[in-house]
Structure formats: structure tokens, C-alpha cells
Amino acid sequence: MENEKRYSQMTEAELKQEIVQLKEKARKAEQLGIVNEFAVMERKAVMAKAYLLDPADFKPGEIYAVDGAPGTYFKIDYMNGVFAWGYRLNGNGKQEALPISLLK
């Protein structure tokens, strides 16, 4: 197994390159009909994007739209690294964590 860097250790340029590679792998998996592989690559790209954002830009108590889920909103209770912990409005009320790259 390769000795890969964590996203938190990568530079901005490395993260951007990683996202490009993951998107390409996801595209190929989608073309081949490998749904699980596609989902994994998409999720990894979302995580890498989160490390390009500043967690300080996301405030507890604020409500954000959830990217990729039209009409879904997320209220942040607290931040932990690049994850926003809170709950979806009109959801089941259970607390969950979303990467900040999913919030807009």
C-alpha cells in the first residue's frame, strides 16, 4: 500500500490535483457502471474540497443549504475541524456531521 498523505497535510496545489484525479476516477467508474467505486471517489473529492475551505467561515447557529440536496438546509451546532456538526431542518432531528464543502 502506498504511503499516502492525509488531506490535512497536503498543500492547496496537492489538494487541487487530488480532486482532479478523484473526479477522473469517478468519471471512469461511472462509465464502467461501477456504482460503488463512483460513490467512493465522489465522497473523497468532497472531503478533499473541505480542506481547501476555511472552517472559520462557517458559524454555529447559521443555516446553510446542502449542496446536492435541493431544498435541504443544515443548521450548525458546532465545528470540529472541517466538519460541521448539527442537524438538517425538516430532518429526523438527529445530529450529524457534514464536511463543510457540502454547505453553501
C-alpha atoms as a PDB file:
ATOM      1  CA  MET A   1       0.000   0.000   0.000  1.00  0.00           C
ATOM      2  CA  GLU A   2       1.241   3.465  -0.863  1.00  0.00           C
ATOM      3  CA  ASN A   3       2.235   5.808   1.919  1.00  0.00           C
ATOM      4  CA  GLU A   4      -0.356   8.481   1.131  1.00  0.00           C
ATOM      5  CA  LYS A   5      -0.516  11.911   2.737  1.00  0.00           C
ATOM      6  CA  ARG A   6      -3.574  12.894   4.704  1.00  0.00           C
ATOM      7  CA  TYR A   7      -5.624  15.694   3.192  1.00  0.00           C
ATOM      8  CA  SER A   8      -4.785  17.809   6.244  1.00  0.00           C
ATOM      9  CA  GLN A   9      -1.066  17.521   5.356  1.00  0.00           C
ATOM     10  CA  MET A  10      -1.434  18.455   1.686  1.00  0.00           C
ATOM     11  CA  THR A  11      -0.781  21.864   0.188  1.00  0.00           C
ATOM     12  CA  GLU A  12      -3.511  23.689  -1.723  1.00  0.00           C
ATOM     13  CA  ALA A  13      -1.928  22.630  -5.033  1.00  0.00           C
ATOM     14  CA  GLU A  14      -1.750  18.984  -3.928  1.00  0.00           C
ATOM     15  CA  LEU A  15      -5.383  19.065  -2.843  1.00  0.00           C
ATOM     16  CA  LYS A  16      -6.490  20.536  -6.166  1.00  0.00           C
ATOM     17  CA  GLN A  17      -4.522  17.877  -8.051  1.00  0.00           C
ATOM     18  CA  GLU A  18      -6.043  15.149  -5.845  1.00  0.00           C
ATOM     19  CA  ILE A  19      -9.549  16.450  -6.588  1.00  0.00           C
ATOM     20  CA  VAL A  20      -8.857  16.370 -10.340  1.00  0.00           C
ATOM     21  CA  GLN A  21      -7.592  12.781 -10.084  1.00  0.00           C
ATOM     22  CA  LEU A  22     -10.545  11.676  -7.963  1.00  0.00           C
ATOM     23  CA  LYS A  23     -13.040  13.275 -10.359  1.00  0.00           C
ATOM     24  CA  GLU A  24     -11.364  11.457 -13.266  1.00  0.00           C
ATOM     25  CA  LYS A  25     -11.507   8.122 -11.401  1.00  0.00           C
ATOM     26  CA  ALA A  26     -15.167   8.791 -10.573  1.00  0.00           C
ATOM     27  CA  ARG A  27     -15.933   9.554 -14.227  1.00  0.00           C
ATOM     28  CA  LYS A  28     -14.285   6.324 -15.354  1.00  0.00           C
ATOM     29  CA  ALA A  29     -16.105   4.281 -12.710  1.00  0.00           C
ATOM     30  CA  GLU A  30     -19.407   5.843 -13.777  1.00  0.00           C
ATOM     31  CA  GLN A  31     -18.727   4.988 -17.432  1.00  0.00           C
ATOM     32  CA  LEU A  32     -17.960   1.390 -16.460  1.00  0.00           C
ATOM     33  CA  GLY A  33     -21.088   1.209 -14.320  1.00  0.00           C
ATOM     34  CA  ILE A  34     -19.164   0.638 -11.077  1.00  0.00           C
ATOM     35  CA  VAL A  35     -21.557   2.480  -8.803  1.00  0.00           C
ATOM     36  CA  ASN A  36     -19.745   1.803  -5.510  1.00  0.00           C
ATOM     37  CA  GLU A  37     -16.397   2.999  -6.874  1.00  0.00           C
ATOM     38  CA  PHE A  38     -18.066   6.126  -8.269  1.00  0.00           C
ATOM     39  CA  ALA A  39     -19.626   6.934  -4.869  1.00  0.00           C
ATOM     40  CA  VAL A  40     -16.310   6.431  -3.042  1.00  0.00           C
ATOM     41  CA  MET A  41     -14.395   8.710  -5.439  1.00  0.00           C
ATOM     42  CA  GLU A  42     -17.088  11.398  -5.232  1.00  0.00           C
ATOM     43  CA  ARG A  43     -17.026  11.280  -1.411  1.00  0.00           C
ATOM     44  CA  LYS A  44     -13.227  11.517  -1.338  1.00  0.00           C
ATOM     45  CA  ALA A  45     -13.367  14.563  -3.630  1.00  0.00           C
ATOM     46  CA  VAL A  46     -15.884  16.209  -1.273  1.00  0.00           C
ATOM     47  CA  MET A  47     -13.531  15.582   1.652  1.00  0.00           C
ATOM     48  CA  ALA A  48     -10.521  16.979  -0.226  1.00  0.00           C
ATOM     49  CA  LYS A  49     -12.530  20.111  -1.117  1.00  0.00           C
ATOM     50  CA  ALA A  50     -13.346  20.608   2.567  1.00  0.00           C
ATOM     51  CA  TYR A  51      -9.635  21.101   3.278  1.00  0.00           C
ATOM     52  CA  LEU A  52      -9.494  23.942   0.736  1.00  0.00           C
ATOM     53  CA  LEU A  53     -12.068  25.896   2.770  1.00  0.00           C
ATOM     54  CA  ASP A  54     -11.626  27.855   5.993  1.00  0.00           C
ATOM     55  CA  PRO A  55     -13.709  26.367   8.838  1.00  0.00           C
ATOM     56  CA  ALA A  56     -13.824  29.849  10.410  1.00  0.00           C
ATOM     57  CA  ASP A  57     -16.130  30.910   7.557  1.00  0.00           C
ATOM     58  CA  PHE A  58     -18.835  28.574   8.916  1.00  0.00           C
ATOM     59  CA  LYS A  59     -20.588  29.794  12.060  1.00  0.00           C
ATOM     60  CA  PRO A  60     -22.505  27.808  14.680  1.00  0.00           C
ATOM     61  CA  GLY A  61     -26.161  28.833  14.707  1.00  0.00           C
ATOM     62  CA  GLU A  62     -26.132  29.662  10.996  1.00  0.00           C
ATOM     63  CA  ILE A  63     -28.201  27.774   8.429  1.00  0.00           C
ATOM     64  CA  TYR A  64     -26.690  26.609   5.135  1.00  0.00           C
ATOM     65  CA  ALA A  65     -28.094  24.914   2.041  1.00  0.00           C
ATOM     66  CA  VAL A  66     -26.761  21.392   1.481  1.00  0.00           C
ATOM     67  CA  ASP A  67     -25.001  21.020  -1.868  1.00  0.00           C
ATOM     68  CA  GLY A  68     -26.517  18.251  -3.976  1.00  0.00           C
ATOM     69  CA  ALA A  69     -29.716  18.141  -1.916  1.00  0.00           C
ATOM     70  CA  PRO A  70     -32.132  20.803  -3.237  1.00  0.00           C
ATOM     71  CA  GLY A  71     -34.415  22.206  -0.548  1.00  0.00           C
ATOM     72  CA  THR A  72     -32.324  20.727   2.284  1.00  0.00           C
ATOM     73  CA  TYR A  73     -30.886  23.047   4.907  1.00  0.00           C
ATOM     74  CA  PHE A  74     -28.425  22.350   7.710  1.00  0.00           C
ATOM     75  CA  LYS A  75     -28.089  24.270  10.988  1.00  0.00           C
ATOM     76  CA  ILE A  76     -24.627  24.144  12.565  1.00  0.00           C
ATOM     77  CA  ASP A  77     -24.400  23.459  16.299  1.00  0.00           C
ATOM     78  CA  TYR A  78     -20.596  23.408  16.423  1.00  0.00           C
ATOM     79  CA  MET A  79     -17.498  22.962  14.285  1.00  0.00           C
ATOM     80  CA  ASN A  80     -14.851  20.247  14.628  1.00  0.00           C
ATOM     81  CA  GLY A  81     -12.080  20.673  12.068  1.00  0.00           C
ATOM     82  CA  VAL A  82     -13.576  20.609   8.568  1.00  0.00           C
ATOM     83  CA  PHE A  83     -16.818  19.068   9.845  1.00  0.00           C
ATOM     84  CA  ALA A  84     -19.941  20.975  10.772  1.00  0.00           C
ATOM     85  CA  TRP A  85     -21.997  19.196  13.426  1.00  0.00           C
ATOM     86  CA  GLY A  86     -25.693  19.938  13.564  1.00  0.00           C
ATOM     87  CA  TYR A  87     -28.950  18.785  12.060  1.00  0.00           C
ATOM     88  CA  ARG A  88     -30.968  19.045   8.885  1.00  0.00           C
ATOM     89  CA  LEU A  89     -34.028  21.287   9.064  1.00  0.00           C
ATOM     90  CA  ASN A  90     -37.154  19.209   8.387  1.00  0.00           C
ATOM     91  CA  GLY A  91     -34.997  16.130   9.011  1.00  0.00           C
ATOM     92  CA  ASN A  92     -35.274  13.481  11.704  1.00  0.00           C
ATOM     93  CA  GLY A  93     -33.707  15.789  14.314  1.00  0.00           C
ATOM     94  CA  LYS A  94     -30.654  13.589  14.785  1.00  0.00           C
ATOM     95  CA  GLN A  95     -27.284  15.302  14.976  1.00  0.00           C
ATOM     96  CA  GLU A  96     -24.860  14.547  12.164  1.00  0.00           C
ATOM     97  CA  ALA A  97     -21.581  15.818  10.764  1.00  0.00           C
ATOM     98  CA  LEU A  98     -21.160  17.156   7.242  1.00  0.00           C
ATOM     99  CA  PRO A  99     -17.913  18.191   5.553  1.00  0.00           C
ATOM    100  CA  ILE A 100     -18.010  21.970   5.131  1.00  0.00           C
ATOM    101  CA  SER A 101     -17.599  21.537   1.368  1.00  0.00           C
ATOM    102  CA  LEU A 102     -21.227  20.335   1.267  1.00  0.00           C
ATOM    103  CA  LEU A 103     -22.507  23.591   2.762  1.00  0.00           C
ATOM    104  CA  LYS A 104     -23.287  26.680   0.725  1.00  0.00           C
END
